[in-house]
Amino acid sequence: MKKYLVVLGVLVGCASAFGFTYTQLLSESDMEFQRIDNASGVALGSELKSEHPWGSYNQWHCFHMSQVELTCADYDHGTLVPSISVATEREIFLFDTHVEDRLDCEQTLSSWRQLLAGGSEACIFAAHMPDVDLDSDGDLPQSLWYINRLKGVGGYWNLFEESPEFQD
């Protein structure tokens, strides 16, 4: 029995080292939602006639709440957008909403805090923005992602239900 526990511990350690995250928050229906969303095409992409075409799909990322910081990111000197910063051992993830989404930052952060309150993890459904150059934070690379959904113990937040951009 002791051998099995050691082997299990090694496997969990290896999985963590390669970036696999165990989550209790996501369900099979969340993963099915991701499969359907991705089957309908890229969430973000370059212009059709771009010299360097790219496309990015939404995907779930789950993090322990101790790594998650909710804030307002300042775009264009005073344009605030809701943002989630996550610092892991290997990377800093910046999850933002688009300026065009026209979300009230403080109101959105309040909704996110309520959704995540009392939970041990946050799961973010987002697409990577690969062509944005970000300063590194010390030795850690940074990446920018655009949020589509957020899941916490209190349920879901959905950009398409909250943004005035999609209600017009």
N, C-alpha and C. Protein backbone atom coordinates (compact mmCIF):
# COMPACT_ATOMS: atom_id res chain seq x y z
N MET A 1 0.82 -1.19 0.00
CA MET A 1 0.00 0.00 0.00
C MET A 1 0.86 1.26 0.00
N LYS A 2 1.95 1.22 0.74
CA LYS A 2 2.84 2.37 0.82
C LYS A 2 3.44 2.69 -0.55
N LYS A 3 3.77 1.63 -1.33
CA LYS A 3 4.32 1.83 -2.67
C LYS A 3 3.32 2.57 -3.56
N TYR A 4 2.05 2.20 -3.46
CA TYR A 4 1.02 2.84 -4.27
C TYR A 4 0.87 4.31 -3.94
N LEU A 5 0.96 4.65 -2.67
CA LEU A 5 0.86 6.05 -2.26
C LEU A 5 2.05 6.86 -2.78
N VAL A 6 3.23 6.27 -2.74
CA VAL A 6 4.42 6.94 -3.26
C VAL A 6 4.29 7.16 -4.76
N VAL A 7 3.86 6.13 -5.49
CA VAL A 7 3.68 6.25 -6.94
C VAL A 7 2.62 7.30 -7.25
N LEU A 8 1.53 7.32 -6.52
CA LEU A 8 0.48 8.32 -6.73
C LEU A 8 1.03 9.71 -6.48
N GLY A 9 1.81 9.86 -5.42
CA GLY A 9 2.41 11.16 -5.11
C GLY A 9 3.34 11.63 -6.22
N VAL A 10 4.14 10.72 -6.76
CA VAL A 10 5.05 11.06 -7.86
C VAL A 10 4.25 11.47 -9.09
N LEU A 11 3.20 10.74 -9.42
CA LEU A 11 2.37 11.09 -10.58
C LEU A 11 1.73 12.45 -10.43
N VAL A 12 1.19 12.76 -9.25
CA VAL A 12 0.59 14.07 -9.01
C VAL A 12 1.65 15.16 -9.13
N GLY A 13 2.83 14.91 -8.58
CA GLY A 13 3.92 15.88 -8.68
C GLY A 13 4.34 16.12 -10.12
N CYS A 14 4.43 15.06 -10.91
CA CYS A 14 4.80 15.20 -12.32
C CYS A 14 3.72 15.96 -13.09
N ALA A 15 2.48 15.64 -12.83
CA ALA A 15 1.38 16.34 -13.50
C ALA A 15 1.42 17.82 -13.17
N SER A 16 1.68 18.16 -11.93
CA SER A 16 1.76 19.56 -11.53
C SER A 16 2.94 20.25 -12.21
N ALA A 17 4.04 19.55 -12.33
CA ALA A 17 5.23 20.13 -12.96
C ALA A 17 4.99 20.45 -14.43
N PHE A 18 4.13 19.68 -15.09
CA PHE A 18 3.84 19.92 -16.49
C PHE A 18 2.65 20.85 -16.70
N GLY A 19 2.11 21.40 -15.64
CA GLY A 19 1.06 22.40 -15.76
C GLY A 19 -0.35 21.85 -15.71
N PHE A 20 -0.52 20.58 -15.46
CA PHE A 20 -1.86 20.04 -15.36
C PHE A 20 -2.45 20.43 -14.00
N THR A 21 -3.64 20.93 -14.02
CA THR A 21 -4.26 21.39 -12.79
C THR A 21 -5.46 20.53 -12.47
N TYR A 22 -5.47 19.99 -11.29
CA TYR A 22 -6.64 19.25 -10.84
C TYR A 22 -7.68 20.25 -10.38
N THR A 23 -8.89 20.09 -10.80
CA THR A 23 -9.95 21.01 -10.43
C THR A 23 -11.18 20.24 -9.98
N GLN A 24 -11.77 20.72 -8.93
CA GLN A 24 -13.04 20.16 -8.48
C GLN A 24 -14.20 20.99 -8.99
N LEU A 25 -13.90 22.16 -9.52
CA LEU A 25 -14.93 23.12 -9.90
C LEU A 25 -15.55 22.84 -11.26
N LEU A 26 -14.76 22.42 -12.22
CA LEU A 26 -15.29 22.20 -13.57
C LEU A 26 -16.01 20.86 -13.66
N SER A 27 -17.08 20.88 -14.41
CA SER A 27 -17.87 19.66 -14.62
C SER A 27 -17.68 19.18 -16.05
N GLU A 28 -18.21 18.02 -16.34
CA GLU A 28 -18.17 17.51 -17.70
C GLU A 28 -18.92 18.45 -18.64
N SER A 29 -19.99 19.08 -18.18
CA SER A 29 -20.72 20.02 -19.05
C SER A 29 -19.88 21.26 -19.36
N ASP A 30 -18.99 21.66 -18.45
CA ASP A 30 -18.07 22.77 -18.74
C ASP A 30 -17.09 22.37 -19.85
N MET A 31 -16.59 21.15 -19.79
CA MET A 31 -15.67 20.69 -20.81
C MET A 31 -16.39 20.51 -22.16
N GLU A 32 -17.62 20.07 -22.10
CA GLU A 32 -18.42 19.95 -23.33
C GLU A 32 -18.68 21.33 -23.93
N PHE A 33 -18.94 22.32 -23.07
CA PHE A 33 -19.12 23.70 -23.54
C PHE A 33 -17.86 24.16 -24.27
N GLN A 34 -16.69 23.85 -23.73
CA GLN A 34 -15.44 24.24 -24.39
C GLN A 34 -15.31 23.56 -25.74
N ARG A 35 -15.66 22.27 -25.83
CA ARG A 35 -15.57 21.55 -27.11
C ARG A 35 -16.51 22.18 -28.15
N ILE A 36 -17.71 22.51 -27.74
CA ILE A 36 -18.68 23.13 -28.67
C ILE A 36 -18.21 24.51 -29.09
N ASP A 37 -17.74 25.30 -28.13
CA ASP A 37 -17.25 26.65 -28.43
C ASP A 37 -16.10 26.59 -29.42
N ASN A 38 -15.16 25.68 -29.21
CA ASN A 38 -14.01 25.57 -30.09
C ASN A 38 -14.38 25.04 -31.48
N ALA A 39 -15.40 24.19 -31.53
CA ALA A 39 -15.84 23.65 -32.82
C ALA A 39 -16.45 24.74 -33.70
N SER A 40 -16.94 25.82 -33.08
CA SER A 40 -17.55 26.89 -33.87
C SER A 40 -16.51 27.88 -34.41
N GLY A 41 -15.25 27.69 -34.08
CA GLY A 41 -14.19 28.53 -34.65
C GLY A 41 -13.40 29.26 -33.60
N VAL A 42 -12.40 30.03 -34.07
CA VAL A 42 -11.52 30.74 -33.16
C VAL A 42 -12.28 31.85 -32.43
N ALA A 43 -11.85 32.12 -31.19
CA ALA A 43 -12.45 33.20 -30.41
C ALA A 43 -11.78 34.53 -30.73
N LEU A 44 -10.49 34.49 -30.97
CA LEU A 44 -9.71 35.66 -31.36
C LEU A 44 -8.84 35.28 -32.53
N GLY A 45 -8.62 36.22 -33.43
CA GLY A 45 -7.75 35.92 -34.55
C GLY A 45 -7.30 37.16 -35.28
N SER A 46 -6.32 36.98 -36.13
CA SER A 46 -5.79 38.09 -36.93
C SER A 46 -6.77 38.42 -38.04
N GLU A 47 -6.53 39.52 -38.70
CA GLU A 47 -7.33 39.87 -39.87
C GLU A 47 -7.12 38.80 -40.94
N LEU A 48 -8.10 38.62 -41.79
CA LEU A 48 -8.04 37.55 -42.79
C LEU A 48 -6.82 37.64 -43.69
N LYS A 49 -6.42 38.84 -44.07
CA LYS A 49 -5.29 39.00 -44.99
C LYS A 49 -4.02 39.39 -44.26
N SER A 50 -3.90 38.99 -43.03
CA SER A 50 -2.74 39.31 -42.21
C SER A 50 -1.50 38.61 -42.75
N GLU A 51 -0.36 39.29 -42.63
CA GLU A 51 0.91 38.70 -43.05
C GLU A 51 1.27 37.52 -42.15
N HIS A 52 0.89 37.61 -40.88
CA HIS A 52 1.17 36.55 -39.90
C HIS A 52 -0.15 36.12 -39.26
N PRO A 53 -0.92 35.26 -39.93
CA PRO A 53 -2.22 34.86 -39.40
C PRO A 53 -2.10 34.04 -38.12
N TRP A 54 -3.06 34.19 -37.23
CA TRP A 54 -3.10 33.42 -36.00
C TRP A 54 -4.56 33.31 -35.56
N GLY A 55 -4.81 32.35 -34.71
CA GLY A 55 -6.12 32.17 -34.13
C GLY A 55 -5.98 31.60 -32.73
N SER A 56 -6.89 31.95 -31.87
CA SER A 56 -6.83 31.49 -30.48
C SER A 56 -8.22 31.04 -30.05
N TYR A 57 -8.26 29.91 -29.37
CA TYR A 57 -9.51 29.34 -28.90
C TYR A 57 -9.68 29.59 -27.40
N ASN A 58 -10.92 29.71 -26.97
CA ASN A 58 -11.20 29.80 -25.53
C ASN A 58 -10.86 28.47 -24.88
N GLN A 59 -10.33 28.53 -23.66
CA GLN A 59 -10.06 27.32 -22.90
C GLN A 59 -10.18 27.63 -21.42
N TRP A 60 -10.50 26.62 -20.65
CA TRP A 60 -10.62 26.77 -19.20
C TRP A 60 -9.24 26.74 -18.55
N HIS A 61 -9.04 27.63 -17.61
CA HIS A 61 -7.85 27.64 -16.75
C HIS A 61 -8.36 27.74 -15.32
N CYS A 62 -7.88 26.88 -14.44
CA CYS A 62 -8.29 26.91 -13.04
C CYS A 62 -7.07 27.17 -12.16
N PHE A 63 -7.28 28.02 -11.16
CA PHE A 63 -6.20 28.41 -10.28
C PHE A 63 -6.70 28.44 -8.84
N HIS A 64 -5.79 28.19 -7.93
CA HIS A 64 -6.11 28.30 -6.51
C HIS A 64 -6.32 29.78 -6.20
N MET A 65 -7.27 30.07 -5.35
CA MET A 65 -7.62 31.46 -5.03
C MET A 65 -6.44 32.25 -4.46
N SER A 66 -5.47 31.59 -3.85
CA SER A 66 -4.31 32.31 -3.32
C SER A 66 -3.46 32.93 -4.43
N GLN A 67 -3.64 32.48 -5.67
CA GLN A 67 -2.88 33.00 -6.81
C GLN A 67 -3.64 34.10 -7.56
N VAL A 68 -4.90 34.30 -7.23
CA VAL A 68 -5.79 35.16 -8.01
C VAL A 68 -5.91 36.54 -7.39
N GLU A 69 -5.75 37.56 -8.24
CA GLU A 69 -5.94 38.95 -7.81
C GLU A 69 -6.89 39.64 -8.78
N LEU A 70 -7.98 40.19 -8.24
CA LEU A 70 -8.95 40.93 -9.05
C LEU A 70 -8.59 42.41 -8.99
N THR A 71 -8.58 43.06 -10.16
CA THR A 71 -8.21 44.46 -10.20
C THR A 71 -8.81 45.13 -11.43
N CYS A 72 -8.64 46.44 -11.51
CA CYS A 72 -9.01 47.19 -12.70
C CYS A 72 -7.73 47.52 -13.45
N ALA A 73 -7.61 47.03 -14.68
CA ALA A 73 -6.45 47.34 -15.51
C ALA A 73 -6.70 48.68 -16.20
N ASP A 74 -5.68 49.52 -16.26
CA ASP A 74 -5.80 50.85 -16.85
C ASP A 74 -5.34 50.81 -18.30
N TYR A 75 -6.29 50.96 -19.21
CA TYR A 75 -6.00 51.04 -20.64
C TYR A 75 -6.17 52.49 -21.07
N ASP A 76 -5.32 52.96 -21.90
CA ASP A 76 -5.45 54.30 -22.49
C ASP A 76 -5.61 55.41 -21.45
N HIS A 77 -4.83 55.35 -20.38
CA HIS A 77 -4.80 56.42 -19.37
C HIS A 77 -6.18 56.76 -18.82
N GLY A 78 -6.76 55.85 -18.11
CA GLY A 78 -8.01 56.13 -17.44
C GLY A 78 -9.17 55.25 -17.87
N THR A 79 -9.01 54.46 -18.91
CA THR A 79 -10.05 53.51 -19.30
C THR A 79 -9.81 52.24 -18.51
N LEU A 80 -10.65 51.98 -17.53
CA LEU A 80 -10.47 50.84 -16.64
C LEU A 80 -11.28 49.64 -17.13
N VAL A 81 -10.64 48.48 -17.13
CA VAL A 81 -11.33 47.24 -17.50
C VAL A 81 -11.14 46.22 -16.39
N PRO A 82 -12.15 45.40 -16.13
CA PRO A 82 -12.00 44.33 -15.14
C PRO A 82 -10.90 43.37 -15.56
N SER A 83 -10.08 42.97 -14.59
CA SER A 83 -8.92 42.15 -14.90
C SER A 83 -8.66 41.17 -13.76
N ILE A 84 -8.13 40.02 -14.13
CA ILE A 84 -7.71 39.01 -13.16
C ILE A 84 -6.25 38.72 -13.43
N SER A 85 -5.43 38.88 -12.42
CA SER A 85 -4.01 38.58 -12.52
C SER A 85 -3.75 37.31 -11.72
N VAL A 86 -3.03 36.38 -12.33
CA VAL A 86 -2.71 35.12 -11.67
C VAL A 86 -1.21 34.88 -11.77
N ALA A 87 -0.57 34.80 -10.63
CA ALA A 87 0.88 34.53 -10.60
C ALA A 87 1.11 33.08 -10.21
N THR A 88 1.67 32.31 -11.15
CA THR A 88 2.05 30.94 -10.88
C THR A 88 3.57 30.88 -10.73
N GLU A 89 4.09 29.71 -10.49
CA GLU A 89 5.53 29.55 -10.35
C GLU A 89 6.27 29.81 -11.65
N ARG A 90 5.58 29.61 -12.80
CA ARG A 90 6.25 29.71 -14.09
C ARG A 90 5.80 30.86 -14.98
N GLU A 91 4.67 31.50 -14.66
CA GLU A 91 4.12 32.51 -15.57
C GLU A 91 3.14 33.40 -14.82
N ILE A 92 3.00 34.61 -15.34
CA ILE A 92 1.95 35.50 -14.85
C ILE A 92 0.90 35.61 -15.95
N PHE A 93 -0.32 35.23 -15.63
CA PHE A 93 -1.43 35.29 -16.56
C PHE A 93 -2.22 36.57 -16.28
N LEU A 94 -2.48 37.33 -17.32
CA LEU A 94 -3.31 38.52 -17.21
C LEU A 94 -4.59 38.25 -17.99
N PHE A 95 -5.70 38.14 -17.29
CA PHE A 95 -7.00 37.90 -17.91
C PHE A 95 -7.79 39.19 -17.87
N ASP A 96 -8.03 39.79 -19.02
CA ASP A 96 -8.74 41.06 -19.10
C ASP A 96 -10.01 40.90 -19.92
N THR A 97 -10.87 41.89 -19.80
CA THR A 97 -11.98 42.02 -20.73
C THR A 97 -11.54 43.05 -21.77
N HIS A 98 -12.22 43.11 -22.89
CA HIS A 98 -11.91 44.09 -23.92
C HIS A 98 -12.42 45.47 -23.49
N VAL A 99 -11.72 46.50 -23.90
CA VAL A 99 -12.19 47.87 -23.67
C VAL A 99 -13.57 48.04 -24.31
N GLU A 100 -13.75 47.45 -25.50
CA GLU A 100 -15.00 47.59 -26.24
C GLU A 100 -16.19 46.95 -25.54
N ASP A 101 -15.94 46.10 -24.56
CA ASP A 101 -17.04 45.46 -23.84
C ASP A 101 -17.80 46.45 -22.96
N ARG A 102 -17.18 47.58 -22.66
CA ARG A 102 -17.80 48.69 -21.92
C ARG A 102 -18.37 48.25 -20.58
N LEU A 103 -17.63 47.44 -19.86
CA LEU A 103 -18.06 46.99 -18.54
C LEU A 103 -17.66 48.00 -17.48
N ASP A 104 -18.52 48.21 -16.50
CA ASP A 104 -18.17 49.02 -15.35
C ASP A 104 -17.22 48.18 -14.49
N CYS A 105 -16.01 48.66 -14.32
CA CYS A 105 -14.99 47.84 -13.67
C CYS A 105 -15.36 47.48 -12.24
N GLU A 106 -15.67 48.43 -11.41
CA GLU A 106 -15.96 48.15 -10.00
C GLU A 106 -17.19 47.26 -9.84
N GLN A 107 -18.20 47.49 -10.65
CA GLN A 107 -19.42 46.66 -10.59
C GLN A 107 -19.09 45.22 -11.00
N THR A 108 -18.28 45.05 -12.03
CA THR A 108 -17.91 43.71 -12.48
C THR A 108 -17.06 43.01 -11.44
N LEU A 109 -16.10 43.72 -10.85
CA LEU A 109 -15.27 43.12 -9.80
C LEU A 109 -16.11 42.69 -8.61
N SER A 110 -17.11 43.48 -8.27
CA SER A 110 -18.01 43.12 -7.17
C SER A 110 -18.74 41.81 -7.50
N SER A 111 -19.22 41.67 -8.73
CA SER A 111 -19.88 40.42 -9.16
C SER A 111 -18.91 39.25 -9.08
N TRP A 112 -17.69 39.46 -9.52
CA TRP A 112 -16.69 38.40 -9.50
C TRP A 112 -16.37 37.99 -8.07
N ARG A 113 -16.22 38.97 -7.17
CA ARG A 113 -15.91 38.66 -5.77
C ARG A 113 -17.02 37.81 -5.13
N GLN A 114 -18.27 38.16 -5.41
CA GLN A 114 -19.40 37.39 -4.88
C GLN A 114 -19.38 35.97 -5.42
N LEU A 115 -19.09 35.84 -6.69
CA LEU A 115 -19.05 34.54 -7.35
C LEU A 115 -17.96 33.63 -6.78
N LEU A 116 -16.82 34.22 -6.43
CA LEU A 116 -15.67 33.45 -5.97
C LEU A 116 -15.60 33.30 -4.45
N ALA A 117 -16.41 34.08 -3.72
CA ALA A 117 -16.35 34.09 -2.25
C ALA A 117 -16.57 32.70 -1.67
N GLY A 118 -15.68 32.33 -0.77
CA GLY A 118 -15.81 31.06 -0.07
C GLY A 118 -15.26 29.86 -0.81
N GLY A 119 -14.78 30.07 -2.03
CA GLY A 119 -14.25 28.95 -2.81
C GLY A 119 -12.74 28.85 -2.71
N SER A 120 -12.23 27.71 -3.11
CA SER A 120 -10.78 27.51 -3.08
C SER A 120 -10.13 27.71 -4.43
N GLU A 121 -10.95 27.79 -5.50
CA GLU A 121 -10.38 27.99 -6.82
C GLU A 121 -11.29 28.83 -7.70
N ALA A 122 -10.68 29.39 -8.75
CA ALA A 122 -11.40 30.14 -9.77
C ALA A 122 -11.06 29.52 -11.12
N CYS A 123 -12.05 29.37 -11.98
CA CYS A 123 -11.83 28.85 -13.32
C CYS A 123 -12.23 29.93 -14.32
N ILE A 124 -11.33 30.19 -15.26
CA ILE A 124 -11.51 31.28 -16.22
C ILE A 124 -11.50 30.69 -17.62
N PHE A 125 -12.53 31.02 -18.39
CA PHE A 125 -12.65 30.58 -19.78
C PHE A 125 -12.20 31.75 -20.64
N ALA A 126 -11.07 31.61 -21.31
CA ALA A 126 -10.48 32.75 -22.00
C ALA A 126 -9.68 32.31 -23.21
N ALA A 127 -9.42 33.29 -24.10
CA ALA A 127 -8.61 33.07 -25.29
C ALA A 127 -7.33 33.88 -25.18
N HIS A 128 -6.23 33.29 -25.62
CA HIS A 128 -4.91 33.91 -25.55
C HIS A 128 -4.73 34.95 -26.66
N MET A 129 -4.15 36.07 -26.31
CA MET A 129 -3.82 37.12 -27.27
C MET A 129 -2.31 37.03 -27.52
N PRO A 130 -1.87 36.27 -28.52
CA PRO A 130 -0.45 35.95 -28.67
C PRO A 130 0.44 37.09 -29.18
N ASP A 131 -0.12 38.08 -29.85
CA ASP A 131 0.75 39.08 -30.46
C ASP A 131 0.89 40.35 -29.62
N VAL A 132 0.61 40.28 -28.34
CA VAL A 132 0.78 41.42 -27.46
C VAL A 132 2.09 41.26 -26.71
N ASP A 133 2.97 42.26 -26.86
CA ASP A 133 4.24 42.23 -26.14
C ASP A 133 4.04 42.77 -24.74
N LEU A 134 4.36 41.98 -23.75
CA LEU A 134 4.25 42.39 -22.36
C LEU A 134 5.62 42.37 -21.72
N ASP A 135 5.85 43.30 -20.84
CA ASP A 135 7.09 43.29 -20.09
C ASP A 135 7.09 42.07 -19.19
N SER A 136 8.26 41.49 -19.01
CA SER A 136 8.32 40.37 -18.08
C SER A 136 8.35 40.92 -16.66
N ASP A 137 7.91 40.13 -15.74
CA ASP A 137 7.91 40.51 -14.33
C ASP A 137 9.05 39.74 -13.67
N GLY A 138 10.24 40.31 -13.71
CA GLY A 138 11.40 39.58 -13.22
C GLY A 138 11.74 38.49 -14.20
N ASP A 139 11.80 37.28 -13.71
CA ASP A 139 12.13 36.14 -14.56
C ASP A 139 10.91 35.46 -15.16
N LEU A 140 9.72 35.91 -14.78
CA LEU A 140 8.51 35.23 -15.22
C LEU A 140 7.93 35.87 -16.47
N PRO A 141 7.63 35.07 -17.49
CA PRO A 141 6.95 35.61 -18.66
C PRO A 141 5.49 35.94 -18.31
N GLN A 142 4.91 36.84 -19.08
CA GLN A 142 3.51 37.21 -18.89
C GLN A 142 2.75 36.90 -20.18
N SER A 143 1.49 36.56 -20.03
CA SER A 143 0.63 36.34 -21.20
C SER A 143 -0.70 37.03 -20.97
N LEU A 144 -1.28 37.51 -22.06
CA LEU A 144 -2.56 38.22 -22.01
C LEU A 144 -3.65 37.33 -22.58
N TRP A 145 -4.75 37.24 -21.84
CA TRP A 145 -5.91 36.45 -22.23
C TRP A 145 -7.15 37.31 -22.12
N TYR A 146 -8.15 37.06 -22.98
CA TYR A 146 -9.41 37.78 -22.90
C TYR A 146 -10.50 36.87 -22.35
N ILE A 147 -11.15 37.35 -21.32
CA ILE A 147 -12.14 36.57 -20.56
C ILE A 147 -13.46 36.47 -21.30
N ASN A 148 -14.01 35.27 -21.32
CA ASN A 148 -15.34 35.02 -21.85
C ASN A 148 -16.28 34.62 -20.72
N ARG A 149 -15.79 33.81 -19.79
CA ARG A 149 -16.58 33.34 -18.65
C ARG A 149 -15.68 33.18 -17.43
N LEU A 150 -16.32 33.18 -16.29
CA LEU A 150 -15.64 32.94 -15.03
C LEU A 150 -16.54 32.01 -14.22
N LYS A 151 -15.93 31.01 -13.57
CA LYS A 151 -16.70 30.09 -12.74
C LYS A 151 -16.09 30.05 -11.35
N GLY A 152 -16.96 30.18 -10.36
CA GLY A 152 -16.57 30.04 -8.97
C GLY A 152 -17.61 29.20 -8.25
N VAL A 153 -17.46 29.05 -6.94
CA VAL A 153 -18.42 28.24 -6.18
C VAL A 153 -19.82 28.84 -6.25
N GLY A 154 -19.92 30.13 -6.55
CA GLY A 154 -21.21 30.80 -6.63
C GLY A 154 -21.87 30.73 -7.99
N GLY A 155 -21.24 30.05 -8.95
CA GLY A 155 -21.83 29.91 -10.28
C GLY A 155 -20.96 30.52 -11.36
N TYR A 156 -21.62 31.07 -12.40
CA TYR A 156 -20.93 31.56 -13.58
C TYR A 156 -21.13 33.06 -13.76
N TRP A 157 -20.12 33.69 -14.38
CA TRP A 157 -20.25 35.03 -14.94
C TRP A 157 -19.99 34.86 -16.42
N ASN A 158 -20.85 35.45 -17.26
CA ASN A 158 -20.77 35.30 -18.70
C ASN A 158 -20.68 36.67 -19.34
N LEU A 159 -19.62 36.94 -20.08
CA LEU A 159 -19.42 38.22 -20.74
C LEU A 159 -20.60 38.61 -21.60
N PHE A 160 -21.15 37.65 -22.33
CA PHE A 160 -22.22 37.96 -23.27
C PHE A 160 -23.53 38.33 -22.60
N GLU A 161 -23.65 38.04 -21.32
CA GLU A 161 -24.82 38.46 -20.56
C GLU A 161 -24.60 39.79 -19.87
N GLU A 162 -23.34 40.18 -19.66
CA GLU A 162 -23.00 41.36 -18.88
C GLU A 162 -22.62 42.58 -19.71
N SER A 163 -22.04 42.39 -20.87
CA SER A 163 -21.50 43.49 -21.64
C SER A 163 -22.59 44.25 -22.41
N PRO A 164 -22.63 45.57 -22.26
CA PRO A 164 -23.57 46.36 -23.08
C PRO A 164 -23.26 46.21 -24.57
N GLU A 165 -22.01 45.91 -24.90
CA GLU A 165 -21.61 45.73 -26.30
C GLU A 165 -22.45 44.63 -26.97
N PHE A 166 -22.79 43.58 -26.23
CA PHE A 166 -23.54 42.47 -26.81
C PHE A 166 -25.03 42.60 -26.59
N GLN A 167 -25.45 43.63 -25.88
CA GLN A 167 -26.87 43.84 -25.64
C GLN A 167 -27.47 44.88 -26.58
N ASP A 168 -26.61 45.59 -27.33
CA ASP A 168 -27.09 46.62 -28.26
C ASP A 168 -27.69 45.99 -29.50
